[in-house]
C-alpha atoms as a PDB file:
ATOM      1  CA  UNK A   1       5.728 -92.723 107.372  1.00  0.00           C
ATOM      2  CA  UNK A   2       7.493 -95.627 105.399  1.00  0.00           C
ATOM      3  CA  UNK A   3       5.396 -99.133 105.880  1.00  0.00           C
ATOM      4  CA  UNK A   4       7.440-102.444 106.286  1.00  0.00           C
ATOM      5  CA  UNK A   5       7.224-104.691 103.379  1.00  0.00           C
ATOM      6  CA  UNK A   6       5.592-108.003 103.605  1.00  0.00           C
ATOM      7  CA  UNK A   7       8.124-111.046 104.600  1.00  0.00           C
ATOM      8  CA  UNK A   8       9.559-112.884 101.224  1.00  0.00           C
ATOM      9  CA  UNK A   9       8.775-116.170 100.771  1.00  0.00           C
ATOM     10  CA  UNK A  10      11.199-118.960 100.725  1.00  0.00           C
ATOM     11  CA  UNK A  11      12.360-120.947  98.084  1.00  0.00           C
ATOM     12  CA  UNK A  12      10.091-123.962  98.130  1.00  0.00           C
ATOM     13  CA  UNK A  13      11.139-127.287  99.332  1.00  0.00           C
ATOM     14  CA  UNK A  14       8.923-129.981  98.172  1.00  0.00           C
ATOM     15  CA  UNK A  15       8.982-132.508 100.677  1.00  0.00           C
ATOM     16  CA  UNK A  16       5.661-132.568 101.241  1.00  0.00           C
ATOM     17  CA  UNK A  17       4.654-132.739  98.014  1.00  0.00           C
ATOM     18  CA  UNK A  18       6.718-135.756  96.929  1.00  0.00           C
ATOM     19  CA  UNK A  19       3.941-138.700  96.213  1.00  0.00           C
ATOM     20  CA  UNK A  20       1.822-135.826  95.007  1.00  0.00           C
ATOM     21  CA  UNK A  21       4.084-134.764  91.974  1.00  0.00           C
ATOM     22  CA  UNK A  22       4.534-138.489  91.313  1.00  0.00           C
ATOM     23  CA  UNK A  23       0.774-139.144  91.024  1.00  0.00           C
ATOM     24  CA  UNK A  24      -0.161-135.604  89.233  1.00  0.00           C
ATOM     25  CA  UNK A  25       2.813-134.563  87.083  1.00  0.00           C
ATOM     26  CA  UNK A  26       5.252-137.245  85.947  1.00  0.00           C
ATOM     27  CA  UNK A  27       2.487-140.267  85.766  1.00  0.00           C
ATOM     28  CA  UNK A  28      -0.177-138.112  83.898  1.00  0.00           C
ATOM     29  CA  UNK A  29      -0.117-136.801  80.088  1.00  0.00           C
ATOM     30  CA  UNK A  30       1.474-133.417  80.650  1.00  0.00           C
ATOM     31  CA  UNK A  31       4.714-134.796  82.631  1.00  0.00           C
ATOM     32  CA  UNK A  32       5.105-137.459  79.403  1.00  0.00           C
ATOM     33  CA  UNK A  33       4.719-134.495  76.873  1.00  0.00           C
ATOM     34  CA  UNK A  34       7.272-132.852  79.162  1.00  0.00           C
ATOM     35  CA  UNK A  35       9.751-135.255  78.825  1.00  0.00           C
ATOM     36  CA  UNK A  36       9.176-136.107  75.191  1.00  0.00           C
ATOM     37  CA  UNK A  37      10.071-132.430  74.763  1.00  0.00           C
ATOM     38  CA  UNK A  38      13.200-132.727  76.244  1.00  0.00           C
ATOM     39  CA  UNK A  39      14.081-135.779  74.373  1.00  0.00           C
ATOM     40  CA  UNK A  40      13.488-134.167  71.278  1.00  0.00           C
ATOM     41  CA  UNK A  41      15.599-130.975  72.177  1.00  0.00           C
ATOM     42  CA  UNK A  42      18.229-133.293  73.204  1.00  0.00           C
ATOM     43  CA  UNK A  43      18.209-135.212  70.043  1.00  0.00           C
ATOM     44  CA  UNK A  44      17.514-132.669  67.349  1.00  0.00           C
ATOM     45  CA  UNK A  45      20.841-130.446  68.698  1.00  0.00           C
ATOM     46  CA  UNK A  46      22.754-133.901  69.510  1.00  0.00           C
ATOM     47  CA  UNK A  47      24.100-133.274  72.718  1.00  0.00           C
ATOM     48  CA  UNK A  48      26.783-135.676  73.146  1.00  0.00           C
ATOM     49  CA  UNK A  49      25.468-137.819  76.088  1.00  0.00           C
ATOM     50  CA  UNK A  50      28.272-140.643  76.206  1.00  0.00           C
ATOM     51  CA  UNK A  51      30.524-140.103  79.184  1.00  0.00           C
ATOM     52  CA  UNK A  52      29.516-136.684  79.657  1.00  0.00           C
ATOM     53  CA  UNK A  53      29.202-134.891  83.307  1.00  0.00           C
ATOM     54  CA  UNK A  54      25.706-133.886  84.162  1.00  0.00           C
ATOM     55  CA  UNK A  55      24.571-131.820  86.953  1.00  0.00           C
ATOM     56  CA  UNK A  56      20.872-132.018  87.499  1.00  0.00           C
ATOM     57  CA  UNK A  57      20.381-129.236  90.160  1.00  0.00           C
ATOM     58  CA  UNK A  58      16.896-129.184  91.382  1.00  0.00           C
ATOM     59  CA  UNK A  59      17.003-132.687  90.082  1.00  0.00           C
ATOM     60  CA  UNK A  60      13.774-133.454  92.182  1.00  0.00           C
ATOM     61  CA  UNK A  61      12.952-137.209  91.187  1.00  0.00           C
ATOM     62  CA  UNK A  62      15.595-137.409  88.681  1.00  0.00           C
ATOM     63  CA  UNK A  63      13.097-138.439  85.853  1.00  0.00           C
ATOM     64  CA  UNK A  64      14.917-136.901  82.829  1.00  0.00           C
ATOM     65  CA  UNK A  65      18.684-137.605  84.394  1.00  0.00           C
ATOM     66  CA  UNK A  66      17.728-141.286  84.509  1.00  0.00           C
ATOM     67  CA  UNK A  67      16.954-141.046  80.711  1.00  0.00           C
ATOM     68  CA  UNK A  68      20.712-139.641  80.099  1.00  0.00           C
ATOM     69  CA  UNK A  69      22.211-141.724  82.441  1.00  0.00           C
ATOM     70  CA  UNK A  70      21.009-144.525  80.173  1.00  0.00           C
ATOM     71  CA  UNK A  71      22.520-143.133  77.480  1.00  0.00           C
ATOM     72  CA  UNK A  72      26.049-143.125  79.050  1.00  0.00           C
ATOM     73  CA  UNK A  73      25.878-140.174  81.180  1.00  0.00           C
ATOM     74  CA  UNK A  74      27.600-139.295  84.539  1.00  0.00           C
ATOM     75  CA  UNK A  75      24.634-137.871  86.919  1.00  0.00           C
ATOM     76  CA  UNK A  76      25.084-135.867  89.807  1.00  0.00           C
ATOM     77  CA  UNK A  77      21.991-134.642  91.195  1.00  0.00           C
ATOM     78  CA  UNK A  78      20.977-131.918  94.147  1.00  0.00           C
ATOM     79  CA  UNK A  79      17.775-130.961  95.590  1.00  0.00           C
ATOM     80  CA  UNK A  80      16.879-129.301  98.379  1.00  0.00           C
ATOM     81  CA  UNK A  81      14.235-131.934  99.220  1.00  0.00           C
ATOM     82  CA  UNK A  82      15.645-134.931 100.309  1.00  0.00           C
ATOM     83  CA  UNK A  83      12.436-136.879  99.950  1.00  0.00           C
ATOM     84  CA  UNK A  84      12.918-136.239  96.395  1.00  0.00           C
ATOM     85  CA  UNK A  85      16.463-137.143  96.342  1.00  0.00           C
ATOM     86  CA  UNK A  86      15.286-140.331  98.039  1.00  0.00           C
ATOM     87  CA  UNK A  87      13.151-141.513  94.953  1.00  0.00           C
ATOM     88  CA  UNK A  88      15.966-140.453  92.614  1.00  0.00           C
ATOM     89  CA  UNK A  89      18.429-143.274  94.164  1.00  0.00           C
ATOM     90  CA  UNK A  90      15.992-145.680  94.485  1.00  0.00           C
ATOM     91  CA  UNK A  91      15.237-145.557  90.926  1.00  0.00           C
ATOM     92  CA  UNK A  92      18.871-145.362  89.790  1.00  0.00           C
ATOM     93  CA  UNK A  93      19.141-147.818  92.020  1.00  0.00           C
ATOM     94  CA  UNK A  94      16.530-149.967  90.365  1.00  0.00           C
ATOM     95  CA  UNK A  95      18.235-149.465  87.207  1.00  0.00           C
ATOM     96  CA  UNK A  96      21.679-150.658  88.118  1.00  0.00           C
ATOM     97  CA  UNK A  97      23.251-147.037  86.965  1.00  0.00           C
ATOM     98  CA  UNK A  98      25.329-144.969  89.214  1.00  0.00           C
ATOM     99  CA  UNK A  99      24.277-141.546  90.962  1.00  0.00           C
ATOM    100  CA  UNK A 100      25.838-138.923  93.073  1.00  0.00           C
ATOM    101  CA  UNK A 101      23.065-137.541  94.659  1.00  0.00           C
ATOM    102  CA  UNK A 102      23.186-134.640  97.426  1.00  0.00           C
ATOM    103  CA  UNK A 103      21.131-132.404  99.449  1.00  0.00           C
ATOM    104  CA  UNK A 104      21.923-128.766  97.932  1.00  0.00           C
ATOM    105  CA  UNK A 105      20.414-125.612  96.989  1.00  0.00           C
ATOM    106  CA  UNK A 106      20.788-123.784  93.983  1.00  0.00           C
ATOM    107  CA  UNK A 107      22.551-121.222  95.835  1.00  0.00           C
ATOM    108  CA  UNK A 108      25.134-123.580  97.438  1.00  0.00           C
ATOM    109  CA  UNK A 109      25.813-125.440  94.372  1.00  0.00           C
ATOM    110  CA  UNK A 110      29.503-124.170  93.961  1.00  0.00           C
ATOM    111  CA  UNK A 111      30.589-125.702  97.372  1.00  0.00           C
ATOM    112  CA  UNK A 112      28.290-129.428  97.499  1.00  0.00           C
ATOM    113  CA  UNK A 113      29.316-129.854  93.097  1.00  0.00           C
ATOM    114  CA  UNK A 114      32.570-127.975  92.458  1.00  0.00           C
ATOM    115  CA  UNK A 115      33.882-128.066  88.960  1.00  0.00           C
ATOM    116  CA  UNK A 116      32.375-127.694  85.824  1.00  0.00           C
ATOM    117  CA  UNK A 117      30.181-129.935  83.721  1.00  0.00           C
ATOM    118  CA  UNK A 118      29.516-130.499  80.078  1.00  0.00           C
ATOM    119  CA  UNK A 119      25.703-130.385  81.066  1.00  0.00           C
ATOM    120  CA  UNK A 120      23.604-128.249  83.457  1.00  0.00           C
ATOM    121  CA  UNK A 121      20.247-128.898  84.111  1.00  0.00           C
ATOM    122  CA  UNK A 122      17.871-126.747  85.849  1.00  0.00           C
ATOM    123  CA  UNK A 123      14.051-127.821  85.333  1.00  0.00           C
ATOM    124  CA  UNK A 124      11.001-126.162  86.786  1.00  0.00           C
ATOM    125  CA  UNK A 125      13.514-124.443  89.639  1.00  0.00           C
ATOM    126  CA  UNK A 126      13.691-121.026  88.995  1.00  0.00           C
ATOM    127  CA  UNK A 127      10.062-119.810  89.272  1.00  0.00           C
ATOM    128  CA  UNK A 128      10.032-121.531  92.958  1.00  0.00           C
ATOM    129  CA  UNK A 129      13.165-119.078  93.898  1.00  0.00           C
ATOM    130  CA  UNK A 130      13.017-115.902  95.888  1.00  0.00           C
ATOM    131  CA  UNK A 131      15.808-114.416  93.640  1.00  0.00           C
ATOM    132  CA  UNK A 132      15.866-116.347  90.335  1.00  0.00           C
ATOM    133  CA  UNK A 133      18.017-114.215  88.305  1.00  0.00           C
ATOM    134  CA  UNK A 134      20.414-114.478  91.130  1.00  0.00           C
ATOM    135  CA  UNK A 135      20.789-118.288  90.467  1.00  0.00           C
ATOM    136  CA  UNK A 136      21.126-117.793  86.836  1.00  0.00           C
ATOM    137  CA  UNK A 137      25.202-116.775  87.014  1.00  0.00           C
ATOM    138  CA  UNK A 138      25.634-119.918  89.712  1.00  0.00           C
ATOM    139  CA  UNK A 139      24.053-122.511  87.291  1.00  0.00           C
ATOM    140  CA  UNK A 140      26.036-120.658  84.328  1.00  0.00           C
ATOM    141  CA  UNK A 141      29.026-120.961  85.863  1.00  0.00           C
ATOM    142  CA  UNK A 142      29.158-124.641  86.330  1.00  0.00           C
ATOM    143  CA  UNK A 143      28.987-125.231  82.913  1.00  0.00           C
ATOM    144  CA  UNK A 144      31.990-125.587  81.044  1.00  0.00           C
ATOM    145  CA  UNK A 145      33.407-124.285  77.944  1.00  0.00           C
ATOM    146  CA  UNK A 146      31.389-125.124  75.307  1.00  0.00           C
ATOM    147  CA  UNK A 147      29.014-126.998  77.299  1.00  0.00           C
ATOM    148  CA  UNK A 148      25.367-126.461  77.637  1.00  0.00           C
ATOM    149  CA  UNK A 149      22.750-125.072  80.167  1.00  0.00           C
ATOM    150  CA  UNK A 150      19.258-126.733  79.677  1.00  0.00           C
ATOM    151  CA  UNK A 151      16.617-124.826  81.191  1.00  0.00           C
ATOM    152  CA  UNK A 152      13.139-124.863  81.792  1.00  0.00           C
ATOM    153  CA  UNK A 153      10.991-122.205  83.728  1.00  0.00           C
ATOM    154  CA  UNK A 154       7.454-121.543  84.060  1.00  0.00           C
ATOM    155  CA  UNK A 155       6.726-118.805  81.561  1.00  0.00           C
ATOM    156  CA  UNK A 156       4.901-115.842  82.573  1.00  0.00           C
ATOM    157  CA  UNK A 157       2.845-115.511  78.986  1.00  0.00           C
ATOM    158  CA  UNK A 158       1.936-118.605  79.097  1.00  0.00           C
ATOM    159  CA  UNK A 159       0.634-118.386  82.842  1.00  0.00           C
ATOM    160  CA  UNK A 160      -1.269-115.072  82.276  1.00  0.00           C
ATOM    161  CA  UNK A 161      -3.335-116.359  79.017  1.00  0.00           C
ATOM    162  CA  UNK A 162      -4.441-119.497  81.185  1.00  0.00           C
ATOM    163  CA  UNK A 163      -5.545-117.354  83.792  1.00  0.00           C
ATOM    164  CA  UNK A 164      -7.116-115.061  81.360  1.00  0.00           C
ATOM    165  CA  UNK A 165      -8.743-118.185  80.002  1.00  0.00           C
ATOM    166  CA  UNK A 166      -9.996-118.873  83.318  1.00  0.00           C
ATOM    167  CA  UNK A 167     -11.925-115.747  83.797  1.00  0.00           C
ATOM    168  CA  UNK A 168      -9.098-114.034  85.881  1.00  0.00           C
ATOM    169  CA  UNK A 169      -9.329-110.917  83.722  1.00  0.00           C
ATOM    170  CA  UNK A 170      -8.976-108.863  86.681  1.00  0.00           C
ATOM    171  CA  UNK A 171      -5.898-110.378  87.775  1.00  0.00           C
ATOM    172  CA  UNK A 172      -4.049-112.299  85.016  1.00  0.00           C
ATOM    173  CA  UNK A 173      -0.581-111.616  86.291  1.00  0.00           C
ATOM    174  CA  UNK A 174      -1.392-113.260  89.813  1.00  0.00           C
ATOM    175  CA  UNK A 175      -1.373-116.852  90.666  1.00  0.00           C
ATOM    176  CA  UNK A 176      -4.785-118.837  91.730  1.00  0.00           C
ATOM    177  CA  UNK A 177      -5.170-118.030  95.513  1.00  0.00           C
ATOM    178  CA  UNK A 178      -6.111-121.477  96.158  1.00  0.00           C
ATOM    179  CA  UNK A 179      -2.888-122.762  94.728  1.00  0.00           C
ATOM    180  CA  UNK A 180      -0.935-119.958  96.416  1.00  0.00           C
ATOM    181  CA  UNK A 181      -2.131-120.869  99.692  1.00  0.00           C
ATOM    182  CA  UNK A 182      -1.755-124.718  99.012  1.00  0.00           C
ATOM    183  CA  UNK A 183       2.065-123.887  97.900  1.00  0.00           C
ATOM    184  CA  UNK A 184       1.508-125.230  94.638  1.00  0.00           C
ATOM    185  CA  UNK A 185       1.733-122.340  92.314  1.00  0.00           C
ATOM    186  CA  UNK A 186       5.279-121.021  91.337  1.00  0.00           C
ATOM    187  CA  UNK A 187       5.913-117.398  93.159  1.00  0.00           C
ATOM    188  CA  UNK A 188       7.675-116.153  89.828  1.00  0.00           C
ATOM    189  CA  UNK A 189       6.587-116.766  86.054  1.00  0.00           C
ATOM    190  CA  UNK A 190       9.630-115.551  84.016  1.00  0.00           C
ATOM    191  CA  UNK A 191       9.466-113.597  80.983  1.00  0.00           C
ATOM    192  CA  UNK A 192      11.492-116.058  78.210  1.00  0.00           C
ATOM    193  CA  UNK A 193      12.993-112.733  76.496  1.00  0.00           C
ATOM    194  CA  UNK A 194      14.476-111.475  79.775  1.00  0.00           C
ATOM    195  CA  UNK A 195      15.513-114.957  80.910  1.00  0.00           C
ATOM    196  CA  UNK A 196      17.336-114.928  76.964  1.00  0.00           C
ATOM    197  CA  UNK A 197      19.027-111.495  77.862  1.00  0.00           C
ATOM    198  CA  UNK A 198      20.633-112.714  80.823  1.00  0.00           C
ATOM    199  CA  UNK A 199      22.004-115.184  79.573  1.00  0.00           C
ATOM    200  CA  UNK A 200      23.506-113.483  76.781  1.00  0.00           C
ATOM    201  CA  UNK A 201      25.410-111.354  78.751  1.00  0.00           C
ATOM    202  CA  UNK A 202      26.251-114.535  80.734  1.00  0.00           C
ATOM    203  CA  UNK A 203      28.265-115.622  77.617  1.00  0.00           C
ATOM    204  CA  UNK A 204      25.640-118.143  76.399  1.00  0.00           C
ATOM    205  CA  UNK A 205      23.713-118.449  73.062  1.00  0.00           C
ATOM    206  CA  UNK A 206      19.803-119.933  73.028  1.00  0.00           C
ATOM    207  CA  UNK A 207      20.100-122.497  70.547  1.00  0.00           C
ATOM    208  CA  UNK A 208      16.654-124.269  71.032  1.00  0.00           C
ATOM    209  CA  UNK A 209      13.624-121.936  72.692  1.00  0.00           C
ATOM    210  CA  UNK A 210      10.920-124.269  72.930  1.00  0.00           C
ATOM    211  CA  UNK A 211       7.068-123.721  74.646  1.00  0.00           C
ATOM    212  CA  UNK A 212       5.507-126.920  76.146  1.00  0.00           C
ATOM    213  CA  UNK A 213       1.988-127.460  76.371  1.00  0.00           C
ATOM    214  CA  UNK A 214       1.107-124.159  74.412  1.00  0.00           C
ATOM    215  CA  UNK A 215      -1.421-126.651  72.557  1.00  0.00           C
ATOM    216  CA  UNK A 216      -2.240-128.957  75.420  1.00  0.00           C
ATOM    217  CA  UNK A 217      -2.794-126.805  78.559  1.00  0.00           C
ATOM    218  CA  UNK A 218      -5.187-124.542  76.163  1.00  0.00           C
ATOM    219  CA  UNK A 219      -7.275-126.910  74.787  1.00  0.00           C
ATOM    220  CA  UNK A 220     -10.417-127.991  76.544  1.00  0.00           C
ATOM    221  CA  UNK A 221     -10.015-131.487  77.815  1.00  0.00           C
ATOM    222  CA  UNK A 222     -12.968-132.931  76.070  1.00  0.00           C
ATOM    223  CA  UNK A 223     -11.824-131.801  72.639  1.00  0.00           C
ATOM    224  CA  UNK A 224      -8.362-133.778  74.094  1.00  0.00           C
ATOM    225  CA  UNK A 225     -10.251-136.901  74.593  1.00  0.00           C
ATOM    226  CA  UNK A 226     -11.823-136.790  71.605  1.00  0.00           C
ATOM    227  CA  UNK A 227      -8.860-136.467  69.310  1.00  0.00           C
ATOM    228  CA  UNK A 228      -6.583-138.552  71.076  1.00  0.00           C
ATOM    229  CA  UNK A 229      -3.585-137.860  73.403  1.00  0.00           C
ATOM    230  CA  UNK A 230      -0.815-138.924  70.669  1.00  0.00           C
ATOM    231  CA  UNK A 231      -2.511-135.938  68.309  1.00  0.00           C
ATOM    232  CA  UNK A 232      -2.345-133.579  71.394  1.00  0.00           C
ATOM    233  CA  UNK A 233       1.109-134.148  72.131  1.00  0.00           C
ATOM    234  CA  UNK A 234       2.604-134.114  68.245  1.00  0.00           C
ATOM    235  CA  UNK A 235       0.663-130.772  67.874  1.00  0.00           C
ATOM    236  CA  UNK A 236       2.086-129.619  70.753  1.00  0.00           C
ATOM    237  CA  UNK A 237       5.683-130.677  70.083  1.00  0.00           C
ATOM    238  CA  UNK A 238       5.162-129.160  66.553  1.00  0.00           C
ATOM    239  CA  UNK A 239       3.785-125.824  67.649  1.00  0.00           C
ATOM    240  CA  UNK A 240       5.910-125.533  70.441  1.00  0.00           C
ATOM    241  CA  UNK A 241       9.293-124.730  68.182  1.00  0.00           C
ATOM    242  CA  UNK A 242       6.953-122.299  66.293  1.00  0.00           C
ATOM    243  CA  UNK A 243       6.321-118.327  66.819  1.00  0.00           C
ATOM    244  CA  UNK A 244       3.770-117.229  68.017  1.00  0.00           C
ATOM    245  CA  UNK A 245       2.763-120.064  69.867  1.00  0.00           C
ATOM    246  CA  UNK A 246       5.973-121.229  71.460  1.00  0.00           C
ATOM    247  CA  UNK A 247       5.145-118.098  73.577  1.00  0.00           C
ATOM    248  CA  UNK A 248       1.839-119.621  75.266  1.00  0.00           C
ATOM    249  CA  UNK A 249       3.441-122.555  76.491  1.00  0.00           C
ATOM    250  CA  UNK A 250       2.604-122.662  80.473  1.00  0.00           C
ATOM    251  CA  UNK A 251       6.967-124.082  80.362  1.00  0.00           C
ATOM    252  CA  UNK A 252       9.691-122.930  78.344  1.00  0.00           C
ATOM    253  CA  UNK A 253      12.796-124.861  77.573  1.00  0.00           C
ATOM    254  CA  UNK A 254      16.201-123.143  76.464  1.00  0.00           C
ATOM    255  CA  UNK A 255      19.038-124.969  75.398  1.00  0.00           C
ATOM    256  CA  UNK A 256      22.004-122.547  75.720  1.00  0.00           C
ATOM    257  CA  UNK A 257      25.607-123.377  74.411  1.00  0.00           C
ATOM    258  CA  UNK A 258      28.331-121.446  76.584  1.00  0.00           C
ATOM    259  CA  UNK A 259      30.062-119.345  74.080  1.00  0.00           C
ATOM    260  CA  UNK A 260      34.168-119.910  73.898  1.00  0.00           C
ATOM    261  CA  UNK A 261      36.093-116.959  75.366  1.00  0.00           C
END
């Protein structure tokens, strides 16, 4: 007799964690390191920003989008969390910059944001979706020819290495039960090679592959304090572009360009 499979978890909505995210991620060294890495990647590849149409889907509080707007980009931002969107709207208003912000699930992106974009951002979203690989074609379809997809996702290898270093040798692939219970653990850590293969099949070429927090998260806090955050950041930015260290990043950032058809 076949058993009924357990119900799947829904896509995560962070309405209940908006303030916590501000305190525990965006205003912390690890959040600042993420922004540094994104800035460096866009700068190194000379991604054109002035008057670029940018779609930030799952853009949350709009931290990185705001930086692009300050360089002349036109930002369209969607998120499933209206509480997150409210914070983004205030940020843009304070900076006196235009923003088109609308509630939107990844699955509804074509309807809510029709047309194509020079740059599509999707940062720390895929791992929270129940079916992450079904979202990739939807995101890629929004990118104009020769345009860019900036994809940041929770890394399976970095997750497992961290679990092992924390003594979870019996179940390194699973999430910490406490974090899972509180909705703070990503549902689906992702394999960068598998993501790259999907992007290739969708007509994209990964031009930049970076591991983020490949040094920071695996260095003891006391050592980070001793050598200073600046030294940690510089090591992370440098080794995050090198094999095999980038494979251990807690997150991976891909800048993938649509190949002309």
